[in-house]
PDB file of N, CA and C in Angstrom:
ATOM      1  N   MET A   1       0.605 -20.606   4.298  1.00  0.00           N
ATOM      2  CA  MET A   1       0.536 -21.830   3.542  1.00  0.00           C
ATOM      3  C   MET A   1      -0.822 -21.911   2.846  1.00  0.00           C
ATOM      4  N   ALA A   2      -0.778 -22.225   1.587  1.00  0.00           N
ATOM      5  CA  ALA A   2      -2.019 -22.324   0.819  1.00  0.00           C
ATOM      6  C   ALA A   2      -2.824 -23.546   1.243  1.00  0.00           C
ATOM      7  N   ARG A   3      -4.126 -23.426   1.108  1.00  0.00           N
ATOM      8  CA  ARG A   3      -5.044 -24.494   1.468  1.00  0.00           C
ATOM      9  C   ARG A   3      -5.898 -24.851   0.253  1.00  0.00           C
ATOM     10  N   ILE A   4      -6.428 -26.041   0.266  1.00  0.00           N
ATOM     11  CA  ILE A   4      -7.320 -26.463  -0.814  1.00  0.00           C
ATOM     12  C   ILE A   4      -8.707 -25.903  -0.521  1.00  0.00           C
ATOM     13  N   ARG A   5      -9.295 -25.248  -1.488  1.00  0.00           N
ATOM     14  CA  ARG A   5     -10.634 -24.684  -1.343  1.00  0.00           C
ATOM     15  C   ARG A   5     -11.473 -25.076  -2.547  1.00  0.00           C
ATOM     16  N   SER A   6     -12.762 -25.176  -2.338  1.00  0.00           N
ATOM     17  CA  SER A   6     -13.701 -25.440  -3.431  1.00  0.00           C
ATOM     18  C   SER A   6     -14.335 -24.133  -3.872  1.00  0.00           C
ATOM     19  N   ILE A   7     -14.509 -23.994  -5.149  1.00  0.00           N
ATOM     20  CA  ILE A   7     -15.146 -22.799  -5.700  1.00  0.00           C
ATOM     21  C   ILE A   7     -16.506 -23.218  -6.245  1.00  0.00           C
ATOM     22  N   LYS A   8     -17.532 -22.628  -5.692  1.00  0.00           N
ATOM     23  CA  LYS A   8     -18.881 -22.942  -6.161  1.00  0.00           C
ATOM     24  C   LYS A   8     -19.164 -22.159  -7.441  1.00  0.00           C
ATOM     25  N   PRO A   9     -19.885 -22.743  -8.367  1.00  0.00           N
ATOM     26  CA  PRO A   9     -20.158 -22.082  -9.646  1.00  0.00           C
ATOM     27  C   PRO A   9     -20.862 -20.731  -9.506  1.00  0.00           C
ATOM     28  N   ASP A  10     -21.594 -20.540  -8.426  1.00  0.00           N
ATOM     29  CA  ASP A  10     -22.334 -19.277  -8.249  1.00  0.00           C
ATOM     30  C   ASP A  10     -21.426 -18.060  -8.148  1.00  0.00           C
ATOM     31  N   VAL A  11     -20.174 -18.244  -7.766  1.00  0.00           N
ATOM     32  CA  VAL A  11     -19.289 -17.086  -7.629  1.00  0.00           C
ATOM     33  C   VAL A  11     -19.122 -16.374  -8.977  1.00  0.00           C
ATOM     34  N   PHE A  12     -19.199 -17.104 -10.045  1.00  0.00           N
ATOM     35  CA  PHE A  12     -19.043 -16.508 -11.369  1.00  0.00           C
ATOM     36  C   PHE A  12     -20.299 -15.751 -11.809  1.00  0.00           C
ATOM     37  N   ARG A  13     -21.376 -15.877 -11.037  1.00  0.00           N
ATOM     38  CA  ARG A  13     -22.615 -15.159 -11.337  1.00  0.00           C
ATOM     39  C   ARG A  13     -22.797 -13.927 -10.462  1.00  0.00           C
ATOM     40  N   HIS A  14     -21.819 -13.631  -9.611  1.00  0.00           N
ATOM     41  CA  HIS A  14     -21.915 -12.484  -8.713  1.00  0.00           C
ATOM     42  C   HIS A  14     -21.864 -11.202  -9.542  1.00  0.00           C
ATOM     43  N   GLU A  15     -22.937 -10.423  -9.500  1.00  0.00           N
ATOM     44  CA  GLU A  15     -23.066  -9.270 -10.388  1.00  0.00           C
ATOM     45  C   GLU A  15     -22.028  -8.189 -10.120  1.00  0.00           C
ATOM     46  N   LEU A  16     -21.745  -7.884  -8.855  1.00  0.00           N
ATOM     47  CA  LEU A  16     -20.763  -6.839  -8.570  1.00  0.00           C
ATOM     48  C   LEU A  16     -19.363  -7.277  -9.009  1.00  0.00           C
ATOM     49  N   LEU A  17     -19.019  -8.530  -8.780  1.00  0.00           N
ATOM     50  CA  LEU A  17     -17.713  -9.019  -9.257  1.00  0.00           C
ATOM     51  C   LEU A  17     -17.639  -8.939 -10.780  1.00  0.00           C
ATOM     52  N   GLN A  18     -18.731  -9.273 -11.442  1.00  0.00           N
ATOM     53  CA  GLN A  18     -18.759  -9.172 -12.902  1.00  0.00           C
ATOM     54  C   GLN A  18     -18.582  -7.727 -13.353  1.00  0.00           C
ATOM     55  N   ASP A  19     -19.238  -6.797 -12.655  1.00  0.00           N
ATOM     56  CA  ASP A  19     -19.094  -5.373 -12.989  1.00  0.00           C
ATOM     57  C   ASP A  19     -17.657  -4.912 -12.798  1.00  0.00           C
ATOM     58  N   LEU A  20     -17.037  -5.318 -11.690  1.00  0.00           N
ATOM     59  CA  LEU A  20     -15.644  -4.940 -11.442  1.00  0.00           C
ATOM     60  C   LEU A  20     -14.724  -5.528 -12.501  1.00  0.00           C
ATOM     61  N   GLU A  21     -14.989  -6.758 -12.876  1.00  0.00           N
ATOM     62  CA  GLU A  21     -14.180  -7.410 -13.908  1.00  0.00           C
ATOM     63  C   GLU A  21     -14.309  -6.672 -15.239  1.00  0.00           C
ATOM     64  N   GLU A  22     -15.512  -6.216 -15.527  1.00  0.00           N
ATOM     65  CA  GLU A  22     -15.748  -5.510 -16.789  1.00  0.00           C
ATOM     66  C   GLU A  22     -15.091  -4.131 -16.802  1.00  0.00           C
ATOM     67  N   THR A  23     -15.181  -3.413 -15.688  1.00  0.00           N
ATOM     68  CA  THR A  23     -14.666  -2.041 -15.653  1.00  0.00           C
ATOM     69  C   THR A  23     -13.193  -1.951 -15.266  1.00  0.00           C
ATOM     70  N   HIS A  24     -12.657  -2.987 -14.637  1.00  0.00           N
ATOM     71  CA  HIS A  24     -11.258  -2.986 -14.198  1.00  0.00           C
ATOM     72  C   HIS A  24     -10.559  -4.281 -14.609  1.00  0.00           C
ATOM     73  N   ALA A  25     -10.749  -4.673 -15.854  1.00  0.00           N
ATOM     74  CA  ALA A  25     -10.210  -5.958 -16.327  1.00  0.00           C
ATOM     75  C   ALA A  25      -8.701  -6.047 -16.151  1.00  0.00           C
ATOM     76  N   HIS A  26      -8.012  -4.919 -16.268  1.00  0.00           N
ATOM     77  CA  HIS A  26      -6.547  -4.927 -16.134  1.00  0.00           C
ATOM     78  C   HIS A  26      -6.087  -5.306 -14.720  1.00  0.00           C
ATOM     79  N   LEU A  27      -6.990  -5.213 -13.734  1.00  0.00           N
ATOM     80  CA  LEU A  27      -6.648  -5.582 -12.353  1.00  0.00           C
ATOM     81  C   LEU A  27      -7.063  -7.010 -12.005  1.00  0.00           C
ATOM     82  N   ARG A  28      -7.815  -7.649 -12.881  1.00  0.00           N
ATOM     83  CA  ARG A  28      -8.256  -9.037 -12.692  1.00  0.00           C
ATOM     84  C   ARG A  28      -8.884  -9.268 -11.311  1.00  0.00           C
ATOM     85  N   PRO A  29      -9.899  -8.475 -10.962  1.00  0.00           N
ATOM     86  CA  PRO A  29     -10.464  -8.563  -9.613  1.00  0.00           C
ATOM     87  C   PRO A  29     -11.089  -9.918  -9.276  1.00  0.00           C
ATOM     88  N   MET A  30     -11.740 -10.561 -10.233  1.00  0.00           N
ATOM     89  CA  MET A  30     -12.388 -11.837  -9.926  1.00  0.00           C
ATOM     90  C   MET A  30     -11.347 -12.919  -9.642  1.00  0.00           C
ATOM     91  N   LEU A  31     -10.335 -13.028 -10.467  1.00  0.00           N
ATOM     92  CA  LEU A  31      -9.296 -14.028 -10.236  1.00  0.00           C
ATOM     93  C   LEU A  31      -8.493 -13.724  -8.972  1.00  0.00           C
ATOM     94  N   THR A  32      -8.282 -12.458  -8.699  1.00  0.00           N
ATOM     95  CA  THR A  32      -7.581 -12.089  -7.464  1.00  0.00           C
ATOM     96  C   THR A  32      -8.402 -12.496  -6.256  1.00  0.00           C
ATOM     97  N   PHE A  33      -9.694 -12.200  -6.270  1.00  0.00           N
ATOM     98  CA  PHE A  33     -10.564 -12.543  -5.152  1.00  0.00           C
ATOM     99  C   PHE A  33     -10.590 -14.054  -4.918  1.00  0.00           C
ATOM    100  N   ILE A  34     -10.752 -14.813  -5.987  1.00  0.00           N
ATOM    101  CA  ILE A  34     -10.773 -16.269  -5.868  1.00  0.00           C
ATOM    102  C   ILE A  34      -9.400 -16.796  -5.448  1.00  0.00           C
ATOM    103  N   GLY A  35      -8.352 -16.176  -5.941  1.00  0.00           N
ATOM    104  CA  GLY A  35      -7.001 -16.589  -5.585  1.00  0.00           C
ATOM    105  C   GLY A  35      -6.645 -16.343  -4.134  1.00  0.00           C
ATOM    106  N   LEU A  36      -7.366 -15.442  -3.480  1.00  0.00           N
ATOM    107  CA  LEU A  36      -7.116 -15.176  -2.057  1.00  0.00           C
ATOM    108  C   LEU A  36      -7.669 -16.281  -1.161  1.00  0.00           C
ATOM    109  N   TRP A  37      -8.663 -17.014  -1.619  1.00  0.00           N
ATOM    110  CA  TRP A  37      -9.293 -18.029  -0.777  1.00  0.00           C
ATOM    111  C   TRP A  37      -8.300 -19.058  -0.251  1.00  0.00           C
ATOM    112  N   PRO A  38      -7.440 -19.623  -1.094  1.00  0.00           N
ATOM    113  CA  PRO A  38      -6.486 -20.596  -0.548  1.00  0.00           C
ATOM    114  C   PRO A  38      -5.440 -19.971   0.370  1.00  0.00           C
ATOM    115  N   GLN A  39      -5.269 -18.663   0.295  1.00  0.00           N
ATOM    116  CA  GLN A  39      -4.287 -17.979   1.137  1.00  0.00           C
ATOM    117  C   GLN A  39      -4.838 -17.682   2.527  1.00  0.00           C
ATOM    118  N   ALA A  40      -6.157 -17.671   2.656  1.00  0.00           N
ATOM    119  CA  ALA A  40      -6.804 -17.310   3.917  1.00  0.00           C
ATOM    120  C   ALA A  40      -6.973 -18.526   4.820  1.00  0.00           C
ATOM    121  N   ASP A  41      -6.980 -18.255   6.120  1.00  0.00           N
ATOM    122  CA  ASP A  41      -7.239 -19.330   7.074  1.00  0.00           C
ATOM    123  C   ASP A  41      -8.743 -19.591   7.152  1.00  0.00           C
ATOM    124  N   ARG A  42      -9.157 -20.437   8.072  1.00  0.00           N
ATOM    125  CA  ARG A  42     -10.573 -20.812   8.141  1.00  0.00           C
ATOM    126  C   ARG A  42     -11.481 -19.659   8.544  1.00  0.00           C
ATOM    127  N   LEU A  43     -10.907 -18.585   9.079  1.00  0.00           N
ATOM    128  CA  LEU A  43     -11.680 -17.390   9.431  1.00  0.00           C
ATOM    129  C   LEU A  43     -11.677 -16.352   8.302  1.00  0.00           C
ATOM    130  N   GLY A  44     -10.997 -16.685   7.221  1.00  0.00           N
ATOM    131  CA  GLY A  44     -10.932 -15.760   6.095  1.00  0.00           C
ATOM    132  C   GLY A  44      -9.844 -14.714   6.229  1.00  0.00           C
ATOM    133  N   GLN A  45      -8.917 -14.908   7.139  1.00  0.00           N
ATOM    134  CA  GLN A  45      -7.848 -13.938   7.379  1.00  0.00           C
ATOM    135  C   GLN A  45      -6.587 -14.342   6.629  1.00  0.00           C
ATOM    136  N   PHE A  46      -5.908 -13.339   6.089  1.00  0.00           N
ATOM    137  CA  PHE A  46      -4.632 -13.568   5.402  1.00  0.00           C
ATOM    138  C   PHE A  46      -3.754 -12.350   5.630  1.00  0.00           C
ATOM    139  N   GLU A  47      -2.462 -12.537   5.448  1.00  0.00           N
ATOM    140  CA  GLU A  47      -1.539 -11.417   5.596  1.00  0.00           C
ATOM    141  C   GLU A  47      -1.613 -10.530   4.364  1.00  0.00           C
ATOM    142  N   TRP A  48      -1.779  -9.230   4.581  1.00  0.00           N
ATOM    143  CA  TRP A  48      -1.923  -8.248   3.506  1.00  0.00           C
ATOM    144  C   TRP A  48      -0.515  -7.879   3.028  1.00  0.00           C
ATOM    145  N   LYS A  49       0.075  -8.759   2.252  1.00  0.00           N
ATOM    146  CA  LYS A  49       1.409  -8.545   1.711  1.00  0.00           C
ATOM    147  C   LYS A  49       1.334  -8.737   0.196  1.00  0.00           C
ATOM    148  N   PRO A  50       1.013  -7.666  -0.531  1.00  0.00           N
ATOM    149  CA  PRO A  50       0.771  -7.775  -1.973  1.00  0.00           C
ATOM    150  C   PRO A  50       1.919  -8.413  -2.764  1.00  0.00           C
ATOM    151  N   ARG A  51       3.150  -8.090  -2.426  1.00  0.00           N
ATOM    152  CA  ARG A  51       4.275  -8.661  -3.192  1.00  0.00           C
ATOM    153  C   ARG A  51       4.332 -10.179  -3.032  1.00  0.00           C
ATOM    154  N   ARG A  52       4.136 -10.652  -1.803  1.00  0.00           N
ATOM    155  CA  ARG A  52       4.163 -12.092  -1.574  1.00  0.00           C
ATOM    156  C   ARG A  52       2.930 -12.760  -2.173  1.00  0.00           C
ATOM    157  N   LEU A  53       1.772 -12.133  -2.007  1.00  0.00           N
ATOM    158  CA  LEU A  53       0.540 -12.690  -2.562  1.00  0.00           C
ATOM    159  C   LEU A  53       0.616 -12.820  -4.081  1.00  0.00           C
ATOM    160  N   HIS A  54       1.281 -11.859  -4.724  1.00  0.00           N
ATOM    161  CA  HIS A  54       1.396 -11.914  -6.180  1.00  0.00           C
ATOM    162  C   HIS A  54       2.147 -13.164  -6.626  1.00  0.00           C
ATOM    163  N   LEU A  55       3.060 -13.641  -5.803  1.00  0.00           N
ATOM    164  CA  LEU A  55       3.785 -14.874  -6.125  1.00  0.00           C
ATOM    165  C   LEU A  55       2.873 -16.100  -6.051  1.00  0.00           C
ATOM    166  N   ASP A  56       1.813 -16.009  -5.240  1.00  0.00           N
ATOM    167  CA  ASP A  56       0.883 -17.123  -5.067  1.00  0.00           C
ATOM    168  C   ASP A  56      -0.355 -17.014  -5.937  1.00  0.00           C
ATOM    169  N   ILE A  57      -0.651 -15.808  -6.408  1.00  0.00           N
ATOM    170  CA  ILE A  57      -1.851 -15.574  -7.222  1.00  0.00           C
ATOM    171  C   ILE A  57      -1.392 -14.986  -8.559  1.00  0.00           C
ATOM    172  N   LEU A  58      -1.562 -15.708  -9.611  1.00  0.00           N
ATOM    173  CA  LEU A  58      -1.188 -15.251 -10.961  1.00  0.00           C
ATOM    174  C   LEU A  58       0.246 -14.713 -11.031  1.00  0.00           C
ATOM    175  N   PRO A  59       1.244 -15.500 -10.637  1.00  0.00           N
ATOM    176  CA  PRO A  59       2.615 -15.002 -10.576  1.00  0.00           C
ATOM    177  C   PRO A  59       3.212 -14.606 -11.926  1.00  0.00           C
ATOM    178  N   PHE A  60       2.714 -15.160 -13.013  1.00  0.00           N
ATOM    179  CA  PHE A  60       3.285 -14.860 -14.323  1.00  0.00           C
ATOM    180  C   PHE A  60       2.497 -13.796 -15.083  1.00  0.00           C
ATOM    181  N   VAL A  61       1.510 -13.199 -14.416  1.00  0.00           N
ATOM    182  CA  VAL A  61       0.707 -12.145 -15.035  1.00  0.00           C
ATOM    183  C   VAL A  61       1.157 -10.808 -14.458  1.00  0.00           C
ATOM    184  N   ASP A  62       1.479  -9.879 -15.341  1.00  0.00           N
ATOM    185  CA  ASP A  62       1.949  -8.563 -14.912  1.00  0.00           C
ATOM    186  C   ASP A  62       0.736  -7.660 -14.658  1.00  0.00           C
ATOM    187  N   TYR A  63       0.373  -7.535 -13.394  1.00  0.00           N
ATOM    188  CA  TYR A  63      -0.716  -6.635 -13.017  1.00  0.00           C
ATOM    189  C   TYR A  63      -0.464  -6.137 -11.605  1.00  0.00           C
ATOM    190  N   ASP A  64      -1.159  -5.082 -11.219  1.00  0.00           N
ATOM    191  CA  ASP A  64      -0.948  -4.446  -9.918  1.00  0.00           C
ATOM    192  C   ASP A  64      -1.849  -5.097  -8.875  1.00  0.00           C
ATOM    193  N   LEU A  65      -1.332  -6.084  -8.181  1.00  0.00           N
ATOM    194  CA  LEU A  65      -2.134  -6.795  -7.194  1.00  0.00           C
ATOM    195  C   LEU A  65      -2.517  -5.880  -6.030  1.00  0.00           C
ATOM    196  N   ARG A  66      -1.638  -4.951  -5.677  1.00  0.00           N
ATOM    197  CA  ARG A  66      -1.966  -3.999  -4.602  1.00  0.00           C
ATOM    198  C   ARG A  66      -3.225  -3.205  -4.977  1.00  0.00           C
ATOM    199  N   ALA A  67      -3.300  -2.738  -6.206  1.00  0.00           N
ATOM    200  CA  ALA A  67      -4.475  -1.987  -6.661  1.00  0.00           C
ATOM    201  C   ALA A  67      -5.704  -2.891  -6.704  1.00  0.00           C
ATOM    202  N   ALA A  68      -5.514  -4.148  -7.080  1.00  0.00           N
ATOM    203  CA  ALA A  68      -6.642  -5.094  -7.105  1.00  0.00           C
ATOM    204  C   ALA A  68      -7.177  -5.319  -5.698  1.00  0.00           C
ATOM    205  N   LEU A  69      -6.281  -5.454  -4.711  1.00  0.00           N
ATOM    206  CA  LEU A  69      -6.719  -5.611  -3.318  1.00  0.00           C
ATOM    207  C   LEU A  69      -7.480  -4.378  -2.846  1.00  0.00           C
ATOM    208  N   GLU A  70      -6.977  -3.211  -3.190  1.00  0.00           N
ATOM    209  CA  GLU A  70      -7.650  -1.971  -2.784  1.00  0.00           C
ATOM    210  C   GLU A  70      -9.018  -1.838  -3.456  1.00  0.00           C
ATOM    211  N   LEU A  71      -9.120  -2.261  -4.716  1.00  0.00           N
ATOM    212  CA  LEU A  71     -10.412  -2.244  -5.415  1.00  0.00           C
ATOM    213  C   LEU A  71     -11.398  -3.175  -4.724  1.00  0.00           C
ATOM    214  N   LEU A  72     -10.956  -4.380  -4.390  1.00  0.00           N
ATOM    215  CA  LEU A  72     -11.831  -5.333  -3.698  1.00  0.00           C
ATOM    216  C   LEU A  72     -12.220  -4.810  -2.315  1.00  0.00           C
ATOM    217  N   GLU A  73     -11.289  -4.169  -1.644  1.00  0.00           N
ATOM    218  CA  GLU A  73     -11.590  -3.606  -0.324  1.00  0.00           C
ATOM    219  C   GLU A  73     -12.612  -2.472  -0.439  1.00  0.00           C
ATOM    220  N   SER A  74     -12.423  -1.582  -1.390  1.00  0.00           N
ATOM    221  CA  SER A  74     -13.329  -0.434  -1.529  1.00  0.00           C
ATOM    222  C   SER A  74     -14.740  -0.845  -1.957  1.00  0.00           C
ATOM    223  N   ASN A  75     -14.882  -2.062  -2.472  1.00  0.00           N
ATOM    224  CA  ASN A  75     -16.197  -2.560  -2.878  1.00  0.00           C
ATOM    225  C   ASN A  75     -16.771  -3.579  -1.911  1.00  0.00           C
ATOM    226  N   GLY A  76     -16.159  -3.707  -0.732  1.00  0.00           N
ATOM    227  CA  GLY A  76     -16.722  -4.522   0.328  1.00  0.00           C
ATOM    228  C   GLY A  76     -16.403  -6.013   0.283  1.00  0.00           C
ATOM    229  N   PHE A  77     -15.493  -6.430  -0.585  1.00  0.00           N
ATOM    230  CA  PHE A  77     -15.135  -7.846  -0.658  1.00  0.00           C
ATOM    231  C   PHE A  77     -14.073  -8.223   0.364  1.00  0.00           C
ATOM    232  N   LEU A  78     -13.285  -7.258   0.774  1.00  0.00           N
ATOM    233  CA  LEU A  78     -12.235  -7.472   1.767  1.00  0.00           C
ATOM    234  C   LEU A  78     -12.332  -6.410   2.843  1.00  0.00           C
ATOM    235  N   GLU A  79     -11.826  -6.737   4.005  1.00  0.00           N
ATOM    236  CA  GLU A  79     -11.764  -5.766   5.097  1.00  0.00           C
ATOM    237  C   GLU A  79     -10.386  -5.854   5.735  1.00  0.00           C
ATOM    238  N   ARG A  80      -9.636  -4.773   5.626  1.00  0.00           N
ATOM    239  CA  ARG A  80      -8.305  -4.740   6.216  1.00  0.00           C
ATOM    240  C   ARG A  80      -8.424  -4.302   7.669  1.00  0.00           C
ATOM    241  N   TYR A  81      -7.691  -4.965   8.525  1.00  0.00           N
ATOM    242  CA  TYR A  81      -7.709  -4.564   9.941  1.00  0.00           C
ATOM    243  C   TYR A  81      -6.329  -4.609  10.512  1.00  0.00           C
TER     244      TYR A  81
END
């Protein structure tokens, strides 16, 4: 179940996220990362189900959410366990 979250303006100034957005714009890493916040519980945990997550994060945008999750994971923004 999605939750209400606040986004602080500083997130848009994160240099690594900006770099990922610039080099992998087709994966929309910044919007994907921000879109995961309402999906996560208070500990930051969410179910790693890309098909379902795509319905909750940018459902009308045709992009590879699985690849976006893997990009965020490989750059230290997410940790799969």
